Amino acid sequence: MKKFSVLLMILAIVCALFADKIDMAVKGNKKVKKVIVVFSVGVLLVCTIAIVASILA
């Protein structure tokens, strides 16, 4: 579970870093960028909670 969470966190960070380029590619007028960033932050929070819970358990 830890490895999967870390993989998801890495993918979320990469998506957040390239959100501007993805938005330009689909011509989303900054709307797609906002959606990508919000989902990336959500994934980071959920995965962080899962990792901390598995360490404390």
N, C-alpha and C. Protein backbone atom coordinates (compact mmCIF):
# COMPACT_ATOMS: atom_id res chain seq x y z
N MET A 1 0.81 -1.19 0.00
CA MET A 1 0.00 0.00 0.00
C MET A 1 0.86 1.26 0.00
N LYS A 2 1.98 1.20 0.74
CA LYS A 2 2.86 2.37 0.79
C LYS A 2 3.42 2.69 -0.59
N LYS A 3 3.85 1.65 -1.31
CA LYS A 3 4.44 1.88 -2.63
C LYS A 3 3.42 2.49 -3.58
N PHE A 4 2.19 2.01 -3.51
CA PHE A 4 1.13 2.54 -4.37
C PHE A 4 0.84 3.99 -4.03
N SER A 5 0.81 4.30 -2.74
CA SER A 5 0.55 5.68 -2.31
C SER A 5 1.67 6.62 -2.76
N VAL A 6 2.90 6.14 -2.64
CA VAL A 6 4.04 6.96 -3.07
C VAL A 6 4.00 7.17 -4.59
N LEU A 7 3.62 6.15 -5.33
CA LEU A 7 3.50 6.28 -6.78
C LEU A 7 2.42 7.29 -7.15
N LEU A 8 1.28 7.22 -6.48
CA LEU A 8 0.22 8.20 -6.73
C LEU A 8 0.64 9.61 -6.37
N MET A 9 1.41 9.76 -5.29
CA MET A 9 1.89 11.08 -4.90
C MET A 9 2.83 11.65 -5.96
N ILE A 10 3.72 10.82 -6.48
CA ILE A 10 4.65 11.26 -7.53
C ILE A 10 3.88 11.67 -8.77
N LEU A 11 2.89 10.88 -9.17
CA LEU A 11 2.08 11.22 -10.35
C LEU A 11 1.30 12.51 -10.13
N ALA A 12 0.79 12.73 -8.93
CA ALA A 12 0.06 13.96 -8.64
C ALA A 12 0.97 15.17 -8.72
N ILE A 13 2.20 15.03 -8.23
CA ILE A 13 3.15 16.15 -8.29
C ILE A 13 3.52 16.46 -9.73
N VAL A 14 3.75 15.42 -10.52
CA VAL A 14 4.09 15.63 -11.93
C VAL A 14 2.94 16.30 -12.68
N CYS A 15 1.72 15.84 -12.43
CA CYS A 15 0.56 16.46 -13.07
C CYS A 15 0.41 17.92 -12.66
N ALA A 16 0.64 18.21 -11.39
CA ALA A 16 0.53 19.59 -10.93
C ALA A 16 1.61 20.47 -11.56
N LEU A 17 2.80 19.91 -11.71
CA LEU A 17 3.88 20.69 -12.32
C LEU A 17 3.61 21.02 -13.78
N PHE A 18 2.98 20.10 -14.50
CA PHE A 18 2.72 20.30 -15.92
C PHE A 18 1.29 20.71 -16.21
N ALA A 19 0.56 21.16 -15.19
CA ALA A 19 -0.84 21.54 -15.37
C ALA A 19 -1.00 22.68 -16.36
N ASP A 20 -0.07 23.62 -16.35
CA ASP A 20 -0.16 24.76 -17.27
C ASP A 20 0.00 24.31 -18.72
N LYS A 21 0.95 23.42 -18.97
CA LYS A 21 1.16 22.92 -20.33
C LYS A 21 0.00 22.06 -20.80
N ILE A 22 -0.57 21.28 -19.89
CA ILE A 22 -1.74 20.47 -20.23
C ILE A 22 -2.91 21.37 -20.57
N ASP A 23 -3.08 22.44 -19.79
CA ASP A 23 -4.16 23.39 -20.04
C ASP A 23 -4.01 24.07 -21.39
N MET A 24 -2.79 24.43 -21.75
CA MET A 24 -2.56 25.06 -23.05
C MET A 24 -2.82 24.07 -24.18
N ALA A 25 -2.50 22.79 -23.97
CA ALA A 25 -2.69 21.79 -25.02
C ALA A 25 -4.17 21.56 -25.32
N VAL A 26 -5.01 21.62 -24.30
CA VAL A 26 -6.43 21.39 -24.52
C VAL A 26 -7.22 22.70 -24.63
N LYS A 27 -6.52 23.83 -24.58
CA LYS A 27 -7.12 25.15 -24.68
C LYS A 27 -8.27 25.31 -23.69
N GLY A 28 -7.95 25.09 -22.41
CA GLY A 28 -8.96 25.11 -21.36
C GLY A 28 -9.17 26.44 -20.69
N ASN A 29 -8.43 27.47 -21.10
CA ASN A 29 -8.56 28.81 -20.52
C ASN A 29 -8.44 28.79 -19.00
N LYS A 30 -7.42 28.11 -18.52
CA LYS A 30 -7.06 28.01 -17.09
C LYS A 30 -8.06 27.21 -16.26
N LYS A 31 -9.15 26.72 -16.86
CA LYS A 31 -10.11 25.93 -16.10
C LYS A 31 -9.57 24.52 -15.85
N VAL A 32 -8.94 23.95 -16.85
CA VAL A 32 -8.38 22.60 -16.72
C VAL A 32 -7.24 22.62 -15.72
N LYS A 33 -6.45 23.69 -15.72
CA LYS A 33 -5.34 23.80 -14.77
C LYS A 33 -5.86 23.78 -13.34
N LYS A 34 -6.93 24.52 -13.07
CA LYS A 34 -7.49 24.55 -11.72
C LYS A 34 -7.97 23.16 -11.30
N VAL A 35 -8.61 22.45 -12.21
CA VAL A 35 -9.12 21.11 -11.90
C VAL A 35 -7.96 20.16 -11.61
N ILE A 36 -6.93 20.21 -12.42
CA ILE A 36 -5.77 19.33 -12.22
C ILE A 36 -5.10 19.63 -10.89
N VAL A 37 -4.93 20.88 -10.57
CA VAL A 37 -4.28 21.25 -9.31
C VAL A 37 -5.12 20.82 -8.11
N VAL A 38 -6.42 21.00 -8.17
CA VAL A 38 -7.29 20.61 -7.06
C VAL A 38 -7.25 19.09 -6.86
N PHE A 39 -7.33 18.32 -7.93
CA PHE A 39 -7.27 16.87 -7.80
C PHE A 39 -5.90 16.41 -7.31
N SER A 40 -4.84 17.07 -7.76
CA SER A 40 -3.50 16.71 -7.32
C SER A 40 -3.32 16.95 -5.83
N VAL A 41 -3.81 18.06 -5.35
CA VAL A 41 -3.72 18.35 -3.92
C VAL A 41 -4.55 17.34 -3.13
N GLY A 42 -5.70 17.00 -3.63
CA GLY A 42 -6.53 15.99 -2.96
C GLY A 42 -5.85 14.65 -2.87
N VAL A 43 -5.24 14.22 -3.97
CA VAL A 43 -4.52 12.95 -3.98
C VAL A 43 -3.35 12.99 -3.01
N LEU A 44 -2.62 14.09 -2.98
CA LEU A 44 -1.51 14.23 -2.04
C LEU A 44 -1.98 14.13 -0.59
N LEU A 45 -3.07 14.78 -0.27
CA LEU A 45 -3.58 14.73 1.10
C LEU A 45 -4.04 13.33 1.49
N VAL A 46 -4.79 12.68 0.62
CA VAL A 46 -5.28 11.33 0.92
C VAL A 46 -4.13 10.35 1.07
N CYS A 47 -3.16 10.41 0.18
CA CYS A 47 -2.02 9.49 0.25
C CYS A 47 -1.16 9.76 1.48
N THR A 48 -1.01 11.02 1.83
CA THR A 48 -0.24 11.35 3.03
C THR A 48 -0.93 10.81 4.28
N ILE A 49 -2.24 10.95 4.34
CA ILE A 49 -2.98 10.42 5.48
C ILE A 49 -2.86 8.90 5.53
N ALA A 50 -2.92 8.24 4.37
CA ALA A 50 -2.81 6.79 4.34
C ALA A 50 -1.43 6.33 4.80
N ILE A 51 -0.38 7.02 4.38
CA ILE A 51 0.97 6.64 4.78
C ILE A 51 1.17 6.86 6.28
N VAL A 52 0.70 8.00 6.78
CA VAL A 52 0.85 8.28 8.22
C VAL A 52 0.05 7.27 9.03
N ALA A 53 -1.13 6.92 8.59
CA ALA A 53 -1.96 5.94 9.31
C ALA A 53 -1.29 4.57 9.33
N SER A 54 -0.66 4.19 8.21
CA SER A 54 -0.01 2.87 8.18
C SER A 54 1.24 2.86 9.05
N ILE A 55 1.92 4.00 9.19
CA ILE A 55 3.09 4.07 10.05
C ILE A 55 2.68 4.00 11.52
N LEU A 56 1.60 4.70 11.87
CA LEU A 56 1.17 4.74 13.26
C LEU A 56 0.47 3.45 13.71
N ALA A 57 -0.06 2.69 12.78
CA ALA A 57 -0.79 1.46 13.14
C ALA A 57 0.14 0.31 13.44
